[in-house]
């Protein structure tokens, strides 16, 4: 796999690479006085009904939402205000403030309809959107999302786990709060991490950290989180009543680690992007959040919070969530299921593109010249025993989507030659398993195009005739099941002339030749 042909790279999401490129050129504060409980008012994510509280449901131990459509069985929309004076807005469930559009969850902060009648905004001057799970018992696991934060001083885009105990100020909570303010120094932006244990966030005031260390940690960012999508994650680790670790990641890099040692003392380290410790808190005797929680995604405006900046409303502000996942170890849920990988090709850009988002496949990609070529196969949306992640990347200069299971390629080699990481496509087996088929990887230097197929005939015979060089096996996936009447995508069989069109495009297949 020679470096000259960029063969050590690959993989990603169209909304954030190709389509954001087209848009631009071509393509958490802790509050003790009141629990941040959106269940005071809520509306189901479908417009067909509403609820004043959550139903008794079983939380999926693994799930993924690509925000292609509303999932009313999973999500609710907030309709309430937080009376703590730091909050300048209420949350409303209407489509002007919370909607699924263009393959994103979009939360918008504005002054409508408050400017005409504040009573329509629970007495607040501004309104925004907040999306949260009906289930309130997610406990231990990894919460991840790809987010483009809302822009503006005093604007906060949030993702957090919140225990709905029903007792204000007594909740367990684990937060990510992304500041929309301008850089605090050239090339330096910020986000806040935080955790509450039974409503306590430690001593964050004078005398700071005595006797209990403040639970807040501010993480420096080298990018403007309001200008592009980035991956944010909380890893919540524990068993039974004992939470041992909380880890916060940004773009797959560990940026903060809070843990309890064997003697019951809590430690906290904050890291820079290279992994160097830049801050360590005083240790204290205590415990970490251990209670089943909701997942909450939100956008809000703050006042009297110096770290967030001074809010000055000018025009509507939108935060976008491209996708989110939650996964738990040793999960036996039925949601340990596979999802299809859709295959596409753009003749004008000589680029093969693979996605698990049907919205990308059916709507977004065709709008910019991509032609659907069916389903490559099925991959796991969450980690399974024996699987490895497939990383997705995109090179704007080469208009090439690249996919790899090699983290070193993803984090080091590919970025050095212009590829931008776009997260994880899904999970595949690293070695052959019963019932799986190989995914072959190829590269065309003349077309600067990476190509993946499950057809050995394409790999060994058709693709080489139009300049593709074999690079071995990416991994092993589930063959696509035969589709039945009513399915939206037809099963596409091999077409020996497809790559002979001379543009490198090939109809994929999963059947033997």
Protein backbone atom coordinates (compact mmCIF):
# COMPACT_ATOMS: atom_id res chain seq x y z
CA UNK A 1 0.00 0.00 0.00
CA UNK A 2 2.28 2.68 -1.31
CA UNK A 3 2.16 6.14 0.21
CA UNK A 4 2.62 7.76 -3.20
CA UNK A 5 -0.90 6.82 -4.23
CA UNK A 6 -2.43 7.89 -0.91
CA UNK A 7 -3.35 4.29 -0.33
CA UNK A 8 -3.09 4.61 3.42
CA UNK A 9 -6.18 6.72 3.96
CA UNK A 10 -10.00 6.90 4.04
CA UNK A 11 -13.65 7.52 5.12
CA UNK A 12 -16.50 9.97 6.13
CA UNK A 13 -19.91 11.74 6.05
CA UNK A 14 -21.10 13.80 3.11
CA UNK A 15 -23.02 16.35 5.09
CA UNK A 16 -19.84 17.47 6.73
CA UNK A 17 -17.35 17.13 3.91
CA UNK A 18 -18.62 17.42 0.40
CA UNK A 19 -21.83 19.24 1.23
CA UNK A 20 -20.29 21.61 3.74
CA UNK A 21 -17.61 22.31 1.16
CA UNK A 22 -20.36 23.25 -1.28
CA UNK A 23 -22.01 25.48 1.28
CA UNK A 24 -18.79 27.35 1.95
CA UNK A 25 -17.31 27.58 -1.51
CA UNK A 26 -18.82 25.05 -3.73
CA UNK A 27 -20.56 22.40 -0.87
CA UNK A 28 -21.57 23.11 30.18
CA UNK A 29 -22.38 25.51 32.99
CA UNK A 30 -23.30 23.62 36.16
CA UNK A 31 -26.41 24.93 37.92
CA UNK A 32 -27.15 23.88 41.48
CA UNK A 33 -30.22 25.99 42.11
CA UNK A 34 -32.45 24.11 39.71
CA UNK A 35 -32.11 20.75 38.05
CA UNK A 36 -32.07 21.14 34.26
CA UNK A 37 -35.15 19.01 33.94
CA UNK A 38 -36.88 19.28 30.56
CA UNK A 39 -39.65 16.92 31.66
CA UNK A 40 -41.52 19.87 33.17
CA UNK A 41 -42.93 20.21 29.66
CA UNK A 42 -42.43 18.09 26.61
CA UNK A 43 -43.77 17.15 23.24
CA UNK A 44 -43.12 13.91 21.40
CA UNK A 45 -40.77 14.20 18.46
CA UNK A 46 -43.59 13.43 16.05
CA UNK A 47 -46.23 16.10 15.71
CA UNK A 48 -49.03 13.61 16.24
CA UNK A 49 -49.11 13.66 20.00
CA UNK A 50 -47.78 15.07 23.22
CA UNK A 51 -46.99 13.93 26.70
CA UNK A 52 -46.46 15.50 30.08
CA UNK A 53 -44.05 12.82 31.12
CA UNK A 54 -42.06 9.86 29.92
CA UNK A 55 -43.56 6.46 29.42
CA UNK A 56 -42.13 3.43 31.16
CA UNK A 57 -39.91 2.10 28.40
CA UNK A 58 -36.78 0.03 28.13
CA UNK A 59 -33.68 1.99 27.13
CA UNK A 60 -31.81 0.56 24.14
CA UNK A 61 -28.29 -0.27 25.29
CA UNK A 62 -27.00 0.61 21.82
CA UNK A 63 -28.54 2.99 19.32
CA UNK A 64 -27.58 5.34 16.54
CA UNK A 65 -29.58 8.26 15.16
CA UNK A 66 -28.44 9.71 11.82
CA UNK A 67 -31.18 12.37 12.06
CA UNK A 68 -32.64 11.44 8.70
CA UNK A 69 -36.12 11.39 10.20
CA UNK A 70 -37.79 11.91 13.56
CA UNK A 71 -37.92 8.87 15.86
CA UNK A 72 -40.91 9.55 18.06
CA UNK A 73 -40.42 6.42 20.17
CA UNK A 74 -36.99 7.64 21.26
CA UNK A 75 -37.05 11.45 21.50
CA UNK A 76 -39.13 14.19 23.10
CA UNK A 77 -39.06 17.95 22.51
CA UNK A 78 -38.83 20.32 25.45
CA UNK A 79 -41.47 22.94 26.20
CA UNK A 80 -40.34 24.76 29.35
CA UNK A 81 -38.13 27.41 30.91
CA UNK A 82 -35.40 27.13 33.53
CA UNK A 83 -36.06 29.73 36.21
CA UNK A 84 -32.38 30.07 37.06
CA UNK A 85 -31.49 33.62 35.94
CA UNK A 86 -28.47 32.47 33.96
CA UNK A 87 -30.84 31.16 31.25
CA UNK A 88 -32.12 33.79 28.83
CA UNK A 89 -34.35 31.53 26.76
CA UNK A 90 -37.18 29.06 27.02
CA UNK A 91 -37.32 25.85 24.96
CA UNK A 92 -40.20 25.41 22.53
CA UNK A 93 -41.16 22.27 20.56
CA UNK A 94 -42.22 23.98 17.32
CA UNK A 95 -40.37 23.36 14.02
CA UNK A 96 -38.93 26.89 14.03
CA UNK A 97 -36.77 25.88 16.98
CA UNK A 98 -36.25 22.14 16.61
CA UNK A 99 -36.43 20.13 13.42
CA UNK A 100 -34.86 17.34 11.41
CA UNK A 101 -33.64 18.77 8.09
CA UNK A 102 -30.88 18.02 5.57
CA UNK A 103 -29.78 14.99 7.56
CA UNK A 104 -29.25 17.00 10.76
CA UNK A 105 -30.98 17.72 14.01
CA UNK A 106 -31.19 21.53 13.90
CA UNK A 107 -31.78 23.58 17.05
CA UNK A 108 -32.42 27.31 16.52
CA UNK A 109 -32.23 30.14 19.06
CA UNK A 110 -34.13 33.34 18.21
CA UNK A 111 -36.55 35.92 19.59
CA UNK A 112 -39.71 34.50 17.99
CA UNK A 113 -42.52 34.52 19.06
CA UNK A 114 -41.22 36.14 22.26
CA UNK A 115 -40.71 39.56 20.68
CA UNK A 116 -44.49 39.85 20.22
CA UNK A 117 -45.62 38.12 23.40
CA UNK A 118 -43.26 36.78 26.06
CA UNK A 119 -46.03 34.63 27.48
CA UNK A 120 -45.64 32.47 24.37
CA UNK A 121 -42.03 31.85 25.51
CA UNK A 122 -42.77 31.06 29.16
CA UNK A 123 -41.94 34.67 30.04
CA UNK A 124 -38.50 34.64 28.41
CA UNK A 125 -37.18 37.00 25.73
CA UNK A 126 -35.74 34.21 23.56
CA UNK A 127 -36.65 30.68 22.52
CA UNK A 128 -34.59 27.69 21.45
CA UNK A 129 -34.82 23.91 20.97
CA UNK A 130 -33.93 20.99 23.20
CA UNK A 131 -34.18 17.31 22.23
CA UNK A 132 -34.02 14.55 24.82
CA UNK A 133 -34.66 10.84 25.19
CA UNK A 134 -37.91 9.57 26.56
CA UNK A 135 -35.95 6.84 28.29
CA UNK A 136 -34.32 8.01 31.52
CA UNK A 137 -32.22 4.97 32.38
CA UNK A 138 -29.12 5.10 30.18
CA UNK A 139 -26.36 3.99 32.49
CA UNK A 140 -22.67 3.63 31.66
CA UNK A 141 -21.55 3.62 28.06
CA UNK A 142 -20.24 5.97 25.39
CA UNK A 143 -22.28 8.93 24.17
CA UNK A 144 -20.98 10.43 20.93
CA UNK A 145 -22.19 13.07 18.48
CA UNK A 146 -20.96 15.02 15.50
CA UNK A 147 -21.79 18.67 16.13
CA UNK A 148 -21.50 22.08 14.51
CA UNK A 149 -22.07 24.44 17.43
CA UNK A 150 -24.22 27.57 17.43
CA UNK A 151 -22.25 30.80 16.98
CA UNK A 152 -22.26 33.84 19.25
CA UNK A 153 -21.04 35.18 22.57
CA UNK A 154 -23.09 33.75 25.41
CA UNK A 155 -24.30 30.88 23.19
CA UNK A 156 -23.84 27.29 24.41
CA UNK A 157 -24.42 24.06 22.49
CA UNK A 158 -24.81 21.18 24.92
CA UNK A 159 -24.86 17.40 25.09
CA UNK A 160 -25.27 15.81 28.47
CA UNK A 161 -26.50 12.90 30.56
CA UNK A 162 -29.05 13.96 33.14
CA UNK A 163 -30.60 11.99 35.96
CA UNK A 164 -34.30 12.78 36.23
CA UNK A 165 -34.68 12.22 39.97
CA UNK A 166 -37.54 14.67 40.25
CA UNK A 167 -35.71 16.54 43.04
CA UNK A 168 -34.38 19.92 41.89
CA UNK A 169 -30.67 20.33 42.40
CA UNK A 170 -30.06 16.72 43.46
CA UNK A 171 -29.33 15.15 40.10
CA UNK A 172 -26.38 13.25 38.71
CA UNK A 173 -25.16 14.84 35.47
CA UNK A 174 -22.28 14.65 32.97
CA UNK A 175 -21.92 17.55 30.53
CA UNK A 176 -20.32 18.84 27.38
CA UNK A 177 -20.90 22.58 26.82
CA UNK A 178 -19.46 24.04 23.60
CA UNK A 179 -19.00 27.81 23.63
CA UNK A 180 -20.04 29.71 20.52
CA UNK A 181 -17.98 32.76 21.44
CA UNK A 182 -15.04 34.15 19.51
CA UNK A 183 -11.55 32.76 20.06
CA UNK A 184 -10.03 33.65 23.44
CA UNK A 185 -6.62 33.93 21.76
CA UNK A 186 -5.43 33.47 18.17
CA UNK A 187 -6.36 29.92 17.17
CA UNK A 188 -7.84 29.06 20.57
CA UNK A 189 -11.49 28.35 21.38
CA UNK A 190 -13.04 26.62 24.40
CA UNK A 191 -15.54 24.07 25.62
CA UNK A 192 -16.50 23.13 29.16
CA UNK A 193 -16.83 19.69 30.73
CA UNK A 194 -18.54 19.09 34.03
CA UNK A 195 -20.15 16.49 36.25
CA UNK A 196 -22.57 16.72 39.15
CA UNK A 197 -22.97 14.11 41.87
CA UNK A 198 -26.32 14.41 43.68
CA UNK A 199 -26.45 18.04 42.60
CA UNK A 200 -22.96 18.83 43.85
CA UNK A 201 -20.38 20.16 41.40
CA UNK A 202 -17.62 20.63 43.95
CA UNK A 203 -16.31 23.93 45.21
CA UNK A 204 -15.84 26.06 42.08
CA UNK A 205 -15.73 29.35 43.99
CA UNK A 206 -13.62 30.88 46.76
CA UNK A 207 -11.85 29.11 48.34
CA UNK A 208 -11.59 27.30 45.00
CA UNK A 209 -11.41 23.52 45.28
CA UNK A 210 -11.42 23.35 49.09
CA UNK A 211 -12.21 20.86 50.46
CA UNK A 212 -13.64 19.30 47.27
CA UNK A 213 -12.14 19.96 43.88
CA UNK A 214 -14.31 21.79 41.35
CA UNK A 215 -15.92 19.34 38.93
CA UNK A 216 -15.64 21.78 36.00
CA UNK A 217 -12.86 21.48 33.43
CA UNK A 218 -12.35 23.89 30.52
CA UNK A 219 -10.80 22.32 27.41
CA UNK A 220 -8.92 24.44 24.84
CA UNK A 221 -9.79 23.81 21.19
CA UNK A 222 -7.59 24.57 18.18
CA UNK A 223 -10.60 25.01 15.87
CA UNK A 224 -13.69 27.18 15.74
CA UNK A 225 -16.48 24.74 16.74
CA UNK A 226 -19.09 26.93 15.04
CA UNK A 227 -17.48 26.73 11.58
CA UNK A 228 -17.24 22.96 11.06
CA UNK A 229 -18.46 19.65 12.42
CA UNK A 230 -16.42 17.82 15.05
CA UNK A 231 -16.89 14.65 17.06
CA UNK A 232 -17.54 14.92 20.81
CA UNK A 233 -17.87 11.98 23.19
CA UNK A 234 -18.44 11.12 26.84
CA UNK A 235 -17.28 7.68 28.04
CA UNK A 236 -19.01 6.83 31.30
CA UNK A 237 -17.45 3.77 32.88
CA UNK A 238 -18.67 1.80 35.86
CA UNK A 239 -20.46 -1.24 37.18
CA UNK A 240 -23.37 -1.37 39.59
CA UNK A 241 -23.21 1.50 42.05
CA UNK A 242 -19.57 2.32 41.35
CA UNK A 243 -18.60 4.72 38.58
CA UNK A 244 -14.84 4.47 38.14
CA UNK A 245 -14.11 6.78 35.19
CA UNK A 246 -15.48 9.57 33.02
CA UNK A 247 -13.61 10.45 29.83
CA UNK A 248 -14.27 13.28 27.41
CA UNK A 249 -13.01 12.98 23.82
CA UNK A 250 -12.87 15.53 20.99
CA UNK A 251 -12.24 14.18 17.48
CA UNK A 252 -11.27 10.81 19.00
CA UNK A 253 -8.61 12.39 21.26
CA UNK A 254 -8.82 12.09 25.05
CA UNK A 255 -9.10 15.63 26.44
CA UNK A 256 -10.17 14.99 30.04
CA UNK A 257 -10.13 12.01 32.37
CA UNK A 258 -11.79 11.89 35.79
CA UNK A 259 -11.33 8.67 37.77
CA UNK A 260 -11.65 7.13 41.22
CA UNK A 261 -8.63 5.30 42.57
CA UNK A 262 -8.68 2.15 44.70
CA UNK A 263 -8.89 4.19 47.91
CA UNK A 264 -11.95 6.16 46.83
CA UNK A 265 -10.18 9.39 45.85
CA UNK A 266 -11.24 11.31 42.74
CA UNK A 267 -8.61 12.60 40.28
CA UNK A 268 -8.94 14.78 37.18
CA UNK A 269 -6.51 15.49 34.31
CA UNK A 270 -7.04 17.72 31.27
CA UNK A 271 -4.96 17.04 28.16
CA UNK A 272 -4.00 19.07 25.11
CA UNK A 273 -4.45 17.65 21.63
CA UNK A 274 -1.05 15.92 21.77
CA UNK A 275 -1.99 14.04 24.94
CA UNK A 276 0.10 16.18 27.31
CA UNK A 277 -1.41 16.91 30.73
CA UNK A 278 -2.09 20.64 30.99
CA UNK A 279 -4.14 20.69 34.20
CA UNK A 280 -4.59 18.40 37.21
CA UNK A 281 -7.15 18.98 39.97
CA UNK A 282 -6.66 18.39 43.65
CA UNK A 283 -7.82 14.93 44.66
CA UNK A 284 -10.74 14.47 47.01
CA UNK A 285 -12.63 11.64 48.67
CA UNK A 286 -15.96 11.09 46.97
CA UNK A 287 -17.97 9.33 44.30
CA UNK A 288 -18.90 9.88 40.67
CA UNK A 289 -22.29 9.93 38.88
CA UNK A 290 -23.79 6.45 38.87
CA UNK A 291 -27.51 6.87 38.18
CA UNK A 292 -29.51 6.06 35.05
CA UNK A 293 -29.98 9.19 32.96
CA UNK A 294 -31.57 10.83 29.96
CA UNK A 295 -29.58 12.03 26.97
CA UNK A 296 -30.18 15.72 26.25
CA UNK A 297 -29.09 17.81 23.25
CA UNK A 298 -29.62 21.54 23.53
CA UNK A 299 -28.85 25.12 22.53
CA UNK A 300 -29.20 28.03 24.94
CA UNK A 301 -28.18 31.61 25.74
CA UNK A 302 -26.53 32.61 29.02
CA UNK A 303 -26.15 35.83 30.96
CA UNK A 304 -23.74 36.75 33.77
CA UNK A 305 -21.35 33.96 32.81
CA UNK A 306 -17.99 35.47 31.96
CA UNK A 307 -16.60 32.26 30.51
CA UNK A 308 -19.38 32.10 27.88
CA UNK A 309 -19.19 35.78 26.91
CA UNK A 310 -21.87 38.47 26.84
CA UNK A 311 -24.91 37.50 24.79
CA UNK A 312 -26.01 40.00 22.15
CA UNK A 313 -28.80 38.75 19.90
CA UNK A 314 -28.62 39.87 16.27
CA UNK A 315 -30.20 37.09 14.19
CA UNK A 316 -31.26 33.42 14.55
CA UNK A 317 -28.51 31.03 15.71
CA UNK A 318 -28.52 27.34 14.77
CA UNK A 319 -26.62 24.34 16.15
CA UNK A 320 -26.50 21.20 14.00
CA UNK A 321 -26.13 17.59 15.11
CA UNK A 322 -25.12 15.33 12.20
CA UNK A 323 -25.52 12.09 14.15
CA UNK A 324 -25.32 10.68 17.64
CA UNK A 325 -24.76 7.25 19.14
CA UNK A 326 -24.92 5.61 22.51
CA UNK A 327 -23.31 2.24 23.14
CA UNK A 328 -22.83 0.11 26.22
CA UNK A 329 -20.33 -2.69 26.79
CA UNK A 330 -21.65 -6.26 26.74
CA UNK A 331 -24.86 -5.04 25.18
CA UNK A 332 -27.30 -7.79 24.26
CA UNK A 333 -29.93 -5.45 22.81
CA UNK A 334 -31.64 -6.17 19.53
CA UNK A 335 -30.15 -2.84 18.44
CA UNK A 336 -26.83 -4.67 18.06
CA UNK A 337 -27.93 -4.86 14.48
CA UNK A 338 -26.39 -4.14 11.15
CA UNK A 339 -27.07 -1.17 8.91
CA UNK A 340 -26.67 -1.05 5.12
CA UNK A 341 -23.72 0.69 3.48
CA UNK A 342 -24.92 2.53 0.39
CA UNK A 343 -22.53 2.91 -2.53
CA UNK A 344 -22.43 5.89 -4.91
CA UNK A 345 -20.26 7.35 -7.65
CA UNK A 346 -19.81 10.89 -9.03
CA UNK A 347 -18.54 10.91 -12.64
CA UNK A 348 -17.76 14.63 -12.52
CA UNK A 349 -15.62 14.23 -9.39
CA UNK A 350 -14.43 10.67 -10.13
CA UNK A 351 -15.21 9.83 -6.51
CA UNK A 352 -16.76 6.73 -4.94
CA UNK A 353 -18.73 7.49 -1.80
CA UNK A 354 -20.08 5.10 0.86
CA UNK A 355 -22.56 6.02 3.58
CA UNK A 356 -24.94 4.44 6.07
CA UNK A 357 -27.30 7.43 5.78
CA UNK A 358 -30.21 6.81 3.43
CA UNK A 359 -30.86 10.55 3.41
CA UNK A 360 -27.38 11.14 2.01
CA UNK A 361 -27.86 8.33 -0.51
CA UNK A 362 -31.31 9.31 -1.72
CA UNK A 363 -31.32 13.10 -1.44
CA UNK A 364 -28.13 14.97 -0.55
CA UNK A 365 -25.56 13.15 -2.69
CA UNK A 366 -27.67 12.99 -5.88
CA UNK A 367 -28.14 16.76 -5.63
CA UNK A 368 -24.40 17.20 -6.19
CA UNK A 369 -23.96 14.63 -8.93
CA UNK A 370 -23.62 11.28 -7.17
CA UNK A 371 -25.31 8.24 -8.73
CA UNK A 372 -26.62 5.47 -6.50
CA UNK A 373 -25.12 2.02 -7.04
CA UNK A 374 -27.02 0.02 -4.45
CA UNK A 375 -25.88 -1.59 -1.20
CA UNK A 376 -22.33 -2.75 -0.55
CA UNK A 377 -23.31 -4.87 2.43
CA UNK A 378 -24.26 -4.58 6.10
CA UNK A 379 -22.02 -3.32 8.91
CA UNK A 380 -22.57 -2.97 12.65
CA UNK A 381 -23.60 0.43 13.96
CA UNK A 382 -21.91 -0.33 17.31
CA UNK A 383 -18.87 -2.26 18.49
CA UNK A 384 -19.25 -6.04 18.61
CA UNK A 385 -16.84 -8.73 19.72
CA UNK A 386 -14.21 -9.08 17.02
CA UNK A 387 -15.15 -5.91 15.11
CA UNK A 388 -13.02 -2.88 14.33
CA UNK A 389 -14.14 0.63 13.36
CA UNK A 390 -14.10 1.89 9.79
CA UNK A 391 -12.90 5.51 9.77
CA UNK A 392 -14.17 7.91 7.13
CA UNK A 393 -12.20 10.81 5.62
CA UNK A 394 -12.44 13.30 2.79
CA UNK A 395 -9.84 15.26 0.81
CA UNK A 396 -11.28 18.49 -0.65
CA UNK A 397 -8.24 19.02 -2.89
CA UNK A 398 -8.53 15.51 -4.37
CA UNK A 399 -12.34 15.20 -4.07
CA UNK A 400 -11.75 11.71 -2.69
CA UNK A 401 -13.54 9.87 0.07
CA UNK A 402 -11.29 7.44 1.91
CA UNK A 403 -12.12 4.66 4.37
CA UNK A 404 -9.69 2.74 6.59
CA UNK A 405 -9.60 0.49 9.63
CA UNK A 406 -6.09 1.70 10.45
CA UNK A 407 -6.22 4.40 13.11
CA UNK A 408 -2.66 5.49 12.32
CA UNK A 409 -3.73 6.15 8.74
CA UNK A 410 -6.77 8.05 9.99
CA UNK A 411 -5.03 10.14 12.64
CA UNK A 412 -1.57 10.71 11.14
CA UNK A 413 -0.81 9.59 7.57
CA UNK A 414 -3.96 10.75 5.81
CA UNK A 415 -4.17 14.21 7.46
CA UNK A 416 -0.57 14.82 6.36
CA UNK A 417 -1.70 14.65 2.72
CA UNK A 418 -4.87 16.71 3.05
CA UNK A 419 -7.54 14.29 4.31
CA UNK A 420 -10.00 15.47 6.94
CA UNK A 421 -11.38 12.98 9.45
CA UNK A 422 -15.15 12.54 9.49
CA UNK A 423 -15.58 9.95 12.20
CA UNK A 424 -16.65 6.32 12.13
CA UNK A 425 -18.77 4.83 9.36
CA UNK A 426 -19.50 1.66 11.35
CA UNK A 427 -17.83 -1.52 12.56
CA UNK A 428 -16.68 -4.55 10.55
CA UNK A 429 -14.84 -7.75 11.35
CA UNK A 430 -11.06 -7.68 11.13
CA UNK A 431 -10.87 -11.35 10.18
CA UNK A 432 -13.13 -13.71 8.33
CA UNK A 433 -16.17 -14.96 10.24
CA UNK A 434 -18.88 -17.42 9.35
CA UNK A 435 -21.35 -15.77 7.01
CA UNK A 436 -19.18 -12.75 6.17
CA UNK A 437 -17.62 -11.62 2.90
CA UNK A 438 -14.47 -9.55 2.29
CA UNK A 439 -14.46 -5.88 1.31
CA UNK A 440 -11.67 -5.24 -1.19
CA UNK A 441 -9.87 -1.92 -1.28
CA UNK A 442 -8.45 -0.30 -4.43
CA UNK A 443 -6.93 3.00 -5.52
CA UNK A 444 -6.63 4.75 -8.88
CA UNK A 445 -3.71 7.20 -9.01
CA UNK A 446 -4.93 8.76 -12.25
CA UNK A 447 -8.39 9.44 -10.82
CA UNK A 448 -7.29 9.94 -7.17
CA UNK A 449 -10.18 7.71 -6.19
CA UNK A 450 -10.44 5.02 -3.53
CA UNK A 451 -12.83 2.23 -4.43
CA UNK A 452 -14.31 -0.56 -2.28
CA UNK A 453 -16.19 -3.63 -3.45
CA UNK A 454 -17.33 -7.03 -2.25
CA UNK A 455 -17.02 -8.44 -5.78
CA UNK A 456 -13.77 -10.29 -6.37
CA UNK A 457 -14.51 -10.08 -10.08
CA UNK A 458 -14.56 -6.29 -9.92
CA UNK A 459 -11.42 -6.32 -7.77
CA UNK A 460 -9.39 -8.76 -9.83
CA UNK A 461 -10.62 -8.14 -13.38
CA UNK A 462 -12.88 -5.14 -14.11
CA UNK A 463 -11.35 -2.37 -11.96
CA UNK A 464 -7.70 -3.04 -12.95
CA UNK A 465 -8.59 -2.49 -16.62
CA UNK A 466 -9.47 1.14 -15.81
CA UNK A 467 -6.44 1.91 -13.68
CA UNK A 468 -7.32 0.67 -10.18
CA UNK A 469 -4.61 -0.98 -8.08
CA UNK A 470 -5.57 -3.59 -5.51
CA UNK A 471 -4.71 -2.79 -1.89
CA UNK A 472 -5.99 -5.91 -0.19
CA UNK A 473 -8.91 -6.49 2.16
CA UNK A 474 -10.38 -3.72 4.29
CA UNK A 475 -12.30 -6.17 6.47
CA UNK A 476 -15.31 -8.49 6.46
CA UNK A 477 -19.00 -7.54 6.41
CA UNK A 478 -22.40 -9.17 6.35
CA UNK A 479 -23.71 -9.78 2.82
CA UNK A 480 -26.78 -7.74 2.04
CA UNK A 481 -29.99 -9.67 2.53
CA UNK A 482 -32.25 -10.17 -0.47
CA UNK A 483 -34.77 -7.38 -0.58
CA UNK A 484 -38.46 -8.05 -0.69
CA UNK A 485 -41.35 -6.31 -2.36
CA UNK A 486 -41.81 -2.87 -0.86
CA UNK A 487 -38.14 -2.25 -0.13
CA UNK A 488 -36.98 1.10 -1.50
CA UNK A 489 -33.64 -0.05 -2.89
CA UNK A 490 -33.42 -2.75 -5.53
CA UNK A 491 -30.78 -5.41 -5.17
CA UNK A 492 -28.17 -4.40 -7.72
CA UNK A 493 -26.30 -7.19 -9.43
CA UNK A 494 -22.96 -6.94 -11.16
CA UNK A 495 -22.78 -5.24 -14.49
CA UNK A 496 -19.56 -6.10 -16.28
CA UNK A 497 -19.80 -2.96 -18.40
CA UNK A 498 -20.14 -0.54 -15.50
CA UNK A 499 -16.44 0.01 -14.95
CA UNK A 500 -15.80 -0.27 -18.65
CA UNK A 501 -17.50 3.08 -19.05
CA UNK A 502 -14.01 4.40 -18.41
CA UNK A 503 -14.92 6.55 -15.44
CA UNK A 504 -14.17 4.03 -12.73
CA UNK A 505 -17.76 3.51 -11.67
CA UNK A 506 -18.92 0.00 -11.02
CA UNK A 507 -22.20 -1.55 -9.99
CA UNK A 508 -21.60 -3.38 -6.75
CA UNK A 509 -22.63 -6.88 -5.99
CA UNK A 510 -22.55 -9.46 -3.27
CA UNK A 511 -23.04 -12.57 -5.36
CA UNK A 512 -20.31 -14.84 -6.59
CA UNK A 513 -19.22 -14.76 -10.20
